[in-house]
């Protein structure tokens, strides 16, 4: 059997874009709105701005990056066992708590 080349029309349903496409767009927008990319990309600068030394801020950035990688690998390992939705809800709840703690620490 021969595979056909993917087309833009594959994303379209009867009434516009498929629901799964909207879910993907929504998750991408949510990632931008929660601001986690700021923590990943500007972590060192942020920690220096709140009073940590350059050396300490780099260590915090390394720890944050390693935590991100490890939790991603854990999620990949458990996604088939628990399903995407429970992991997404659990991850969002943890993100809310951690973002609140980071915001509180940056505020003080």
Protein backbone atom coordinates (compact mmCIF):
# COMPACT_ATOMS: atom_id res chain seq x y z
CA UNK A 1 0.00 0.00 0.00
CA UNK A 2 1.28 3.42 -0.92
CA UNK A 3 1.10 6.31 1.55
CA UNK A 4 -0.21 9.60 0.29
CA UNK A 5 1.39 12.95 0.96
CA UNK A 6 -0.16 14.85 3.92
CA UNK A 7 -2.24 17.87 2.96
CA UNK A 8 -3.60 20.88 4.80
CA UNK A 9 -7.11 19.56 4.18
CA UNK A 10 -6.31 16.66 6.55
CA UNK A 11 -6.76 19.13 9.43
CA UNK A 12 -10.23 20.14 8.30
CA UNK A 13 -13.49 18.61 9.48
CA UNK A 14 -17.03 19.23 8.31
CA UNK A 15 -17.30 22.55 10.16
CA UNK A 16 -13.74 23.92 10.07
CA UNK A 17 -10.67 22.70 11.90
CA UNK A 18 -10.79 19.34 13.67
CA UNK A 19 -11.28 19.44 17.45
CA UNK A 20 -7.84 17.95 18.06
CA UNK A 21 -6.27 20.85 16.13
CA UNK A 22 -8.08 23.33 18.41
CA UNK A 23 -6.87 21.41 21.46
CA UNK A 24 -3.28 21.65 20.21
CA UNK A 25 -3.63 25.37 19.54
CA UNK A 26 -5.17 25.87 22.99
CA UNK A 27 -2.34 24.03 24.74
CA UNK A 28 0.25 26.11 22.88
CA UNK A 29 -1.51 29.32 23.88
CA UNK A 30 -1.81 28.12 27.50
CA UNK A 31 1.92 27.41 27.61
CA UNK A 32 2.63 30.97 26.52
CA UNK A 33 0.11 32.50 28.93
CA UNK A 34 1.36 30.72 32.06
CA UNK A 35 4.81 32.23 31.47
CA UNK A 36 6.83 29.07 32.02
CA UNK A 37 8.95 29.89 28.97
CA UNK A 38 10.16 33.03 30.78
CA UNK A 39 11.39 30.84 33.63
CA UNK A 40 13.18 28.47 31.24
CA UNK A 41 14.75 31.09 28.99
CA UNK A 42 15.54 33.92 31.42
CA UNK A 43 15.97 31.96 34.65
CA UNK A 44 19.53 33.05 35.33
CA UNK A 45 18.75 36.73 34.78
CA UNK A 46 15.61 36.54 36.93
CA UNK A 47 17.41 34.94 39.87
CA UNK A 48 20.19 37.51 39.66
CA UNK A 49 17.58 40.28 39.60
CA UNK A 50 16.14 39.08 42.92
CA UNK A 51 19.52 38.98 44.63
CA UNK A 52 21.20 35.64 43.93
CA UNK A 53 24.82 35.63 42.86
CA UNK A 54 25.70 34.72 39.29
CA UNK A 55 27.02 31.33 40.39
CA UNK A 56 23.91 30.52 42.45
CA UNK A 57 21.56 31.66 39.70
CA UNK A 58 23.32 29.39 37.21
CA UNK A 59 22.98 26.43 39.61
CA UNK A 60 19.27 27.16 40.05
CA UNK A 61 18.92 27.26 36.26
CA UNK A 62 20.70 23.88 35.96
CA UNK A 63 18.45 22.36 38.64
CA UNK A 64 15.35 23.76 36.91
CA UNK A 65 16.45 22.33 33.56
CA UNK A 66 17.23 18.90 34.99
CA UNK A 67 13.87 18.86 36.78
CA UNK A 68 12.16 19.72 33.50
CA UNK A 69 13.91 16.89 31.66
CA UNK A 70 13.28 14.29 34.40
CA UNK A 71 9.59 15.15 34.76
CA UNK A 72 9.18 15.02 30.99
CA UNK A 73 10.69 11.54 30.91
CA UNK A 74 8.42 10.45 33.80
CA UNK A 75 5.38 11.80 31.92
CA UNK A 76 6.40 9.92 28.77
CA UNK A 77 6.77 6.72 30.79
CA UNK A 78 3.34 7.05 32.44
CA UNK A 79 1.23 8.55 29.65
CA UNK A 80 0.10 5.14 28.39
CA UNK A 81 -0.57 3.85 31.90
CA UNK A 82 -2.65 6.76 33.24
CA UNK A 83 -3.74 8.58 30.07
CA UNK A 84 -3.12 12.10 28.84
CA UNK A 85 -6.03 13.85 30.52
CA UNK A 86 -5.23 12.90 34.15
CA UNK A 87 -1.57 13.75 33.61
CA UNK A 88 -2.51 17.09 32.05
CA UNK A 89 -4.78 17.94 34.99
CA UNK A 90 -2.18 16.85 37.56
CA UNK A 91 0.59 18.72 35.75
CA UNK A 92 -1.52 21.87 35.47
CA UNK A 93 -2.32 21.76 39.19
CA UNK A 94 1.37 21.39 40.04
CA UNK A 95 2.26 24.17 37.62
CA UNK A 96 -0.26 26.46 39.33
CA UNK A 97 1.29 25.75 42.74
CA UNK A 98 4.90 26.09 41.59
CA UNK A 99 4.18 29.23 39.55
CA UNK A 100 2.50 30.74 42.61
CA UNK A 101 5.54 29.93 44.75
CA UNK A 102 7.92 31.39 42.17
CA UNK A 103 5.76 34.50 41.85
CA UNK A 104 5.65 34.93 45.63
CA UNK A 105 9.43 34.51 45.92
CA UNK A 106 10.06 36.97 43.12
CA UNK A 107 7.62 39.45 44.71
CA UNK A 108 9.44 39.41 48.04
